[in-house]
Amino acid sequence: MNLVRQIAIARWPIERLRTSITNLWNFALLIAGSGPNEVVEEMEDAEAAARVAERIFSVNSPIEKMNRQIDRLERRTSRLRKGIKEIHADFPSVAKGIDIDDDLPPAPRNAA
């Protein structure tokens, strides 16, 4: 499997995991905001966000596991990119020019 394809394949789950993290945050905020609040009305949103952050960033939270998986995939793509750089260093894509004059037979001389 070529390196560019492996990078593209790794990018897809990274984006899905990031979308899942956003969805977890959104649904947790909706649930926290719908419950009873014991603070003044101006602070309800901040208090709900604090409760969500406390729950979501606990030790065994799904977001922590997703972030670890994203880190693994990012390290993998980084190694693959380094592999591409090494290939380009060893096998440059720009070929040396061909001197056309060297390949032609000498032109006949006019005897005048």
Protein backbone atom coordinates (compact mmCIF):
# COMPACT_ATOMS: atom_id res chain seq x y z
CA MET A 1 0.00 0.00 0.00
CA ASN A 2 1.49 3.37 -0.88
CA LEU A 3 2.28 6.01 1.72
CA VAL A 4 -0.11 8.66 0.44
CA ARG A 5 -3.02 6.23 0.55
CA GLN A 6 -2.17 5.24 4.12
CA ILE A 7 -2.13 8.91 5.13
CA ALA A 8 -5.53 9.45 3.50
CA ILE A 9 -6.93 6.38 5.25
CA ALA A 10 -5.64 7.62 8.63
CA ARG A 11 -7.14 11.10 8.11
CA TRP A 12 -10.67 9.71 7.81
CA PRO A 13 -10.91 8.21 11.34
CA ILE A 14 -9.25 11.32 12.78
CA GLU A 15 -12.02 13.49 11.36
CA ARG A 16 -14.69 11.05 12.52
CA LEU A 17 -13.26 11.00 16.04
CA ARG A 18 -13.15 14.81 16.15
CA THR A 19 -16.78 14.93 15.02
CA SER A 20 -17.70 12.39 17.70
CA ILE A 21 -15.99 14.49 20.38
CA THR A 22 -17.96 17.53 19.25
CA ASN A 23 -21.19 15.52 19.34
CA LEU A 24 -20.42 14.23 22.85
CA TRP A 25 -19.86 17.80 24.04
CA ASN A 26 -23.07 19.03 22.40
CA PHE A 27 -25.27 16.29 23.79
CA ALA A 28 -23.72 16.54 27.24
CA LEU A 29 -24.33 20.30 27.25
CA LEU A 30 -27.96 19.75 26.21
CA ILE A 31 -28.49 17.23 29.00
CA ALA A 32 -26.75 19.41 31.60
CA GLY A 33 -28.70 22.48 30.52
CA SER A 34 -32.04 20.73 30.80
CA GLY A 35 -31.55 19.77 34.45
CA PRO A 36 -32.32 21.86 37.51
CA ASN A 37 -29.94 24.72 38.21
CA GLU A 38 -29.01 26.07 41.61
CA VAL A 39 -27.29 29.23 40.40
CA VAL A 40 -28.47 32.60 39.19
CA GLU A 41 -29.85 32.73 35.67
CA GLU A 42 -26.84 34.60 34.23
CA MET A 43 -24.51 31.79 35.35
CA GLU A 44 -26.62 28.79 34.23
CA ASP A 45 -24.70 28.25 30.97
CA ALA A 46 -21.29 28.48 32.67
CA GLU A 47 -22.36 26.14 35.45
CA ALA A 48 -23.71 23.59 32.98
CA ALA A 49 -20.50 23.76 30.94
CA ALA A 50 -18.43 23.24 34.10
CA ARG A 51 -20.48 20.16 35.06
CA VAL A 52 -20.06 18.75 31.56
CA ALA A 53 -16.31 19.39 31.51
CA GLU A 54 -15.92 17.74 34.90
CA ARG A 55 -17.77 14.64 33.69
CA ILE A 56 -16.29 14.48 30.20
CA PHE A 57 -12.67 14.91 31.25
CA SER A 58 -12.73 12.28 33.96
CA VAL A 59 -10.05 9.58 33.86
CA ASN A 60 -12.07 6.96 31.97
CA SER A 61 -14.05 9.28 29.73
CA PRO A 62 -14.72 8.40 26.09
CA ILE A 63 -13.20 11.73 25.01
CA GLU A 64 -9.89 10.81 26.66
CA LYS A 65 -9.85 7.52 24.76
CA MET A 66 -10.74 9.27 21.50
CA ASN A 67 -8.00 11.85 22.01
CA ARG A 68 -5.47 9.06 22.56
CA GLN A 69 -6.57 7.38 19.34
CA ILE A 70 -6.29 10.69 17.47
CA ASP A 71 -2.75 11.10 18.84
CA ARG A 72 -1.83 7.60 17.64
CA LEU A 73 -3.17 8.28 14.17
CA GLU A 74 -1.43 11.68 14.02
CA ARG A 75 1.90 10.05 14.96
CA ARG A 76 1.32 7.46 12.24
CA THR A 77 0.67 10.10 9.59
CA SER A 78 3.75 11.98 10.76
CA ARG A 79 5.90 8.86 10.28
CA LEU A 80 4.37 8.30 6.85
CA ARG A 81 5.10 11.90 5.84
CA LYS A 82 8.71 11.45 6.93
CA GLY A 83 8.82 8.33 4.76
CA ILE A 84 7.62 10.36 1.80
CA LYS A 85 10.34 12.97 2.44
CA GLU A 86 12.98 10.23 2.55
CA ILE A 87 11.75 8.80 -0.74
CA HIS A 88 11.88 12.22 -2.35
CA ALA A 89 15.42 12.73 -1.03
CA ASP A 90 16.61 9.37 -2.38
CA PHE A 91 14.65 9.45 -5.63
CA PRO A 92 14.19 13.02 -6.83
CA SER A 93 11.25 13.51 -9.13
CA VAL A 94 13.08 16.00 -11.33
CA ALA A 95 15.13 14.27 -14.00
CA LYS A 96 18.29 15.76 -15.39
CA GLY A 97 17.85 17.49 -18.72
CA ILE A 98 18.99 15.80 -21.91
CA ASP A 99 21.40 17.75 -24.05
CA ILE A 100 20.00 17.33 -27.56
CA ASP A 101 23.17 18.54 -29.28
CA ASP A 102 25.19 15.60 -27.92
CA ASP A 103 22.81 13.03 -29.43
CA LEU A 104 22.79 14.46 -32.98
CA PRO A 105 25.36 13.38 -35.56
CA PRO A 106 27.68 16.15 -36.69
CA ALA A 107 26.28 18.31 -39.47
CA PRO A 108 27.83 17.79 -42.92
CA ARG A 109 30.30 20.45 -43.94
CA ASN A 110 29.75 22.37 -47.12
CA ALA A 111 32.68 22.24 -49.40
CA ALA A 112 32.70 25.45 -51.22
